[in-house]
Amino acid sequence: MPVYGGYAGLFTRNLLYTAITRACDMVVIVGREQDIKRMVENNRQSVRYTGLKILISALSGASDEIK
């Protein structure tokens, strides 16, 4: 996983956790130690507007909104 430069909002603990836990055999993190520490310390969570709930509801024909 390259950890170098880019938008600071992407350097989150959640992204690092996801990369590590989804690795099948091994994960290699390449980058500066200070950037990796910044990711570990950044517990910011963003709201994601994917529309997935609406799509599932529409495809299933459910009359009630999925919560």
N, C-alpha and C. Protein backbone atom coordinates (compact mmCIF):
# COMPACT_ATOMS: atom_id res chain seq x y z
N MET A 1 0.85 -1.16 0.00
CA MET A 1 0.00 0.00 0.00
C MET A 1 0.90 1.23 0.00
N PRO A 2 0.81 2.04 -1.01
CA PRO A 2 1.61 3.27 -1.03
C PRO A 2 0.98 4.34 -0.14
N VAL A 3 1.76 4.89 0.76
CA VAL A 3 1.31 5.98 1.63
C VAL A 3 2.25 7.14 1.36
N TYR A 4 1.88 7.92 0.36
CA TYR A 4 2.76 9.01 -0.02
C TYR A 4 1.96 10.13 -0.68
N GLY A 5 2.05 11.32 -0.12
CA GLY A 5 1.41 12.49 -0.70
C GLY A 5 -0.08 12.33 -0.92
N GLY A 6 -0.68 13.28 -1.59
CA GLY A 6 -2.10 13.20 -1.90
C GLY A 6 -2.97 13.97 -0.95
N TYR A 7 -4.26 13.80 -1.12
CA TYR A 7 -5.27 14.50 -0.33
C TYR A 7 -5.25 14.01 1.11
N ALA A 8 -5.11 14.93 2.05
CA ALA A 8 -5.00 14.58 3.47
C ALA A 8 -6.23 13.85 3.99
N GLY A 9 -7.40 14.11 3.39
CA GLY A 9 -8.62 13.45 3.83
C GLY A 9 -8.62 11.95 3.60
N LEU A 10 -7.75 11.47 2.73
CA LEU A 10 -7.66 10.04 2.47
C LEU A 10 -6.76 9.31 3.46
N PHE A 11 -5.96 10.04 4.17
CA PHE A 11 -5.04 9.43 5.13
C PHE A 11 -5.75 9.17 6.45
N THR A 12 -6.61 8.15 6.48
CA THR A 12 -7.38 7.85 7.68
C THR A 12 -7.02 6.48 8.23
N ARG A 13 -7.29 6.33 9.50
CA ARG A 13 -7.06 5.04 10.16
C ARG A 13 -7.92 3.96 9.53
N ASN A 14 -9.14 4.33 9.14
CA ASN A 14 -10.05 3.37 8.54
C ASN A 14 -9.50 2.80 7.23
N LEU A 15 -8.90 3.65 6.41
CA LEU A 15 -8.31 3.18 5.15
C LEU A 15 -7.14 2.23 5.42
N LEU A 16 -6.31 2.57 6.37
CA LEU A 16 -5.17 1.72 6.73
C LEU A 16 -5.66 0.38 7.27
N TYR A 17 -6.66 0.41 8.14
CA TYR A 17 -7.23 -0.81 8.71
C TYR A 17 -7.79 -1.70 7.60
N THR A 18 -8.52 -1.11 6.66
CA THR A 18 -9.11 -1.87 5.57
C THR A 18 -8.04 -2.53 4.71
N ALA A 19 -6.99 -1.79 4.41
CA ALA A 19 -5.90 -2.35 3.59
C ALA A 19 -5.24 -3.54 4.29
N ILE A 20 -5.04 -3.42 5.57
CA ILE A 20 -4.36 -4.48 6.32
C ILE A 20 -5.25 -5.70 6.47
N THR A 21 -6.52 -5.50 6.79
CA THR A 21 -7.40 -6.64 7.05
C THR A 21 -7.86 -7.34 5.78
N ARG A 22 -7.80 -6.68 4.64
CA ARG A 22 -8.22 -7.33 3.39
C ARG A 22 -7.08 -8.04 2.67
N ALA A 23 -5.88 -7.86 3.15
CA ALA A 23 -4.75 -8.54 2.53
C ALA A 23 -4.87 -10.04 2.79
N CYS A 24 -4.67 -10.82 1.76
CA CYS A 24 -4.81 -12.27 1.90
C CYS A 24 -3.60 -12.91 2.57
N ASP A 25 -2.42 -12.61 2.07
CA ASP A 25 -1.21 -13.24 2.60
C ASP A 25 -0.27 -12.25 3.29
N MET A 26 -0.16 -11.05 2.70
CA MET A 26 0.83 -10.12 3.21
C MET A 26 0.44 -8.71 2.77
N VAL A 27 0.79 -7.75 3.58
CA VAL A 27 0.61 -6.35 3.20
C VAL A 27 1.95 -5.65 3.36
N VAL A 28 2.29 -4.84 2.37
CA VAL A 28 3.52 -4.06 2.42
C VAL A 28 3.12 -2.59 2.35
N ILE A 29 3.49 -1.84 3.37
CA ILE A 29 3.17 -0.42 3.41
C ILE A 29 4.44 0.33 3.07
N VAL A 30 4.37 1.14 2.02
CA VAL A 30 5.53 1.90 1.57
C VAL A 30 5.23 3.38 1.75
N GLY A 31 6.08 4.05 2.50
CA GLY A 31 5.88 5.48 2.71
C GLY A 31 6.70 5.96 3.89
N ARG A 32 6.51 7.23 4.17
CA ARG A 32 7.25 7.82 5.29
C ARG A 32 6.57 7.47 6.62
N GLU A 33 7.39 7.24 7.62
CA GLU A 33 6.87 6.87 8.93
C GLU A 33 5.91 7.93 9.47
N GLN A 34 6.21 9.19 9.24
CA GLN A 34 5.35 10.25 9.75
C GLN A 34 3.97 10.23 9.09
N ASP A 35 3.90 9.85 7.82
CA ASP A 35 2.61 9.75 7.13
C ASP A 35 1.79 8.58 7.66
N ILE A 36 2.44 7.47 7.95
CA ILE A 36 1.75 6.31 8.50
C ILE A 36 1.25 6.62 9.91
N LYS A 37 2.06 7.30 10.70
CA LYS A 37 1.62 7.72 12.05
C LYS A 37 0.43 8.66 11.96
N ARG A 38 0.44 9.54 10.96
CA ARG A 38 -0.67 10.47 10.77
C ARG A 38 -1.95 9.69 10.47
N MET A 39 -1.85 8.63 9.69
CA MET A 39 -3.02 7.80 9.39
C MET A 39 -3.55 7.11 10.65
N VAL A 40 -2.66 6.59 11.44
CA VAL A 40 -3.06 5.89 12.67
C VAL A 40 -3.76 6.87 13.62
N GLU A 41 -3.27 8.08 13.69
CA GLU A 41 -3.84 9.08 14.60
C GLU A 41 -5.11 9.72 14.07
N ASN A 42 -5.37 9.62 12.77
CA ASN A 42 -6.53 10.26 12.15
C ASN A 42 -7.73 9.33 12.19
N ASN A 43 -8.62 9.53 13.15
CA ASN A 43 -9.80 8.68 13.29
C ASN A 43 -11.04 9.34 12.67
N ARG A 44 -10.83 10.28 11.78
CA ARG A 44 -11.92 11.00 11.13
C ARG A 44 -12.72 10.05 10.26
N GLN A 45 -14.03 10.14 10.35
CA GLN A 45 -14.90 9.31 9.52
C GLN A 45 -15.77 10.24 8.70
N SER A 46 -15.88 9.95 7.42
CA SER A 46 -16.68 10.79 6.55
C SER A 46 -18.01 10.12 6.26
N VAL A 47 -19.00 10.93 5.97
CA VAL A 47 -20.31 10.42 5.60
C VAL A 47 -20.26 10.05 4.13
N ARG A 48 -20.72 8.87 3.82
CA ARG A 48 -20.69 8.41 2.43
C ARG A 48 -22.11 8.39 1.89
N TYR A 49 -22.31 9.02 0.76
CA TYR A 49 -23.61 9.07 0.11
C TYR A 49 -23.57 8.19 -1.14
N THR A 50 -23.80 6.90 -0.95
CA THR A 50 -23.68 5.97 -2.06
C THR A 50 -25.00 5.69 -2.76
N GLY A 51 -26.10 5.89 -2.06
CA GLY A 51 -27.40 5.58 -2.64
C GLY A 51 -27.71 4.09 -2.65
N LEU A 52 -26.88 3.30 -1.96
CA LEU A 52 -27.04 1.85 -1.98
C LEU A 52 -28.37 1.42 -1.36
N LYS A 53 -28.77 2.03 -0.26
CA LYS A 53 -30.03 1.67 0.39
C LYS A 53 -31.21 1.87 -0.56
N ILE A 54 -31.21 2.98 -1.27
CA ILE A 54 -32.29 3.29 -2.19
C ILE A 54 -32.30 2.29 -3.34
N LEU A 55 -31.15 1.95 -3.87
CA LEU A 55 -31.05 1.01 -4.97
C LEU A 55 -31.54 -0.38 -4.56
N ILE A 56 -31.13 -0.85 -3.40
CA ILE A 56 -31.58 -2.17 -2.93
C ILE A 56 -33.09 -2.17 -2.73
N SER A 57 -33.59 -1.11 -2.15
CA SER A 57 -35.03 -1.01 -1.93
C SER A 57 -35.79 -1.04 -3.26
N ALA A 58 -35.31 -0.30 -4.23
CA ALA A 58 -35.97 -0.24 -5.54
C ALA A 58 -35.91 -1.59 -6.25
N LEU A 59 -34.77 -2.27 -6.18
CA LEU A 59 -34.62 -3.55 -6.86
C LEU A 59 -35.42 -4.67 -6.21
N SER A 60 -35.59 -4.57 -4.89
CA SER A 60 -36.31 -5.61 -4.18
C SER A 60 -37.82 -5.40 -4.22
N GLY A 61 -38.25 -4.20 -4.64
CA GLY A 61 -39.67 -3.89 -4.68
C GLY A 61 -40.24 -3.63 -3.31
N ALA A 62 -39.37 -3.43 -2.33
CA ALA A 62 -39.84 -3.16 -0.97
C ALA A 62 -40.55 -1.82 -0.91
N SER A 63 -41.67 -1.81 -0.22
CA SER A 63 -42.42 -0.56 -0.11
C SER A 63 -41.88 0.32 1.00
N ASP A 64 -41.28 -0.29 2.01
CA ASP A 64 -40.70 0.47 3.12
C ASP A 64 -39.24 0.77 2.83
N GLU A 65 -38.81 1.94 3.27
CA GLU A 65 -37.40 2.30 3.09
C GLU A 65 -36.53 1.47 3.99
N ILE A 66 -35.41 0.98 3.50
CA ILE A 66 -34.45 0.20 4.29
C ILE A 66 -33.73 1.13 5.23
N LYS A 67 -33.62 0.73 6.48
CA LYS A 67 -32.95 1.58 7.48
C LYS A 67 -31.68 0.94 7.93
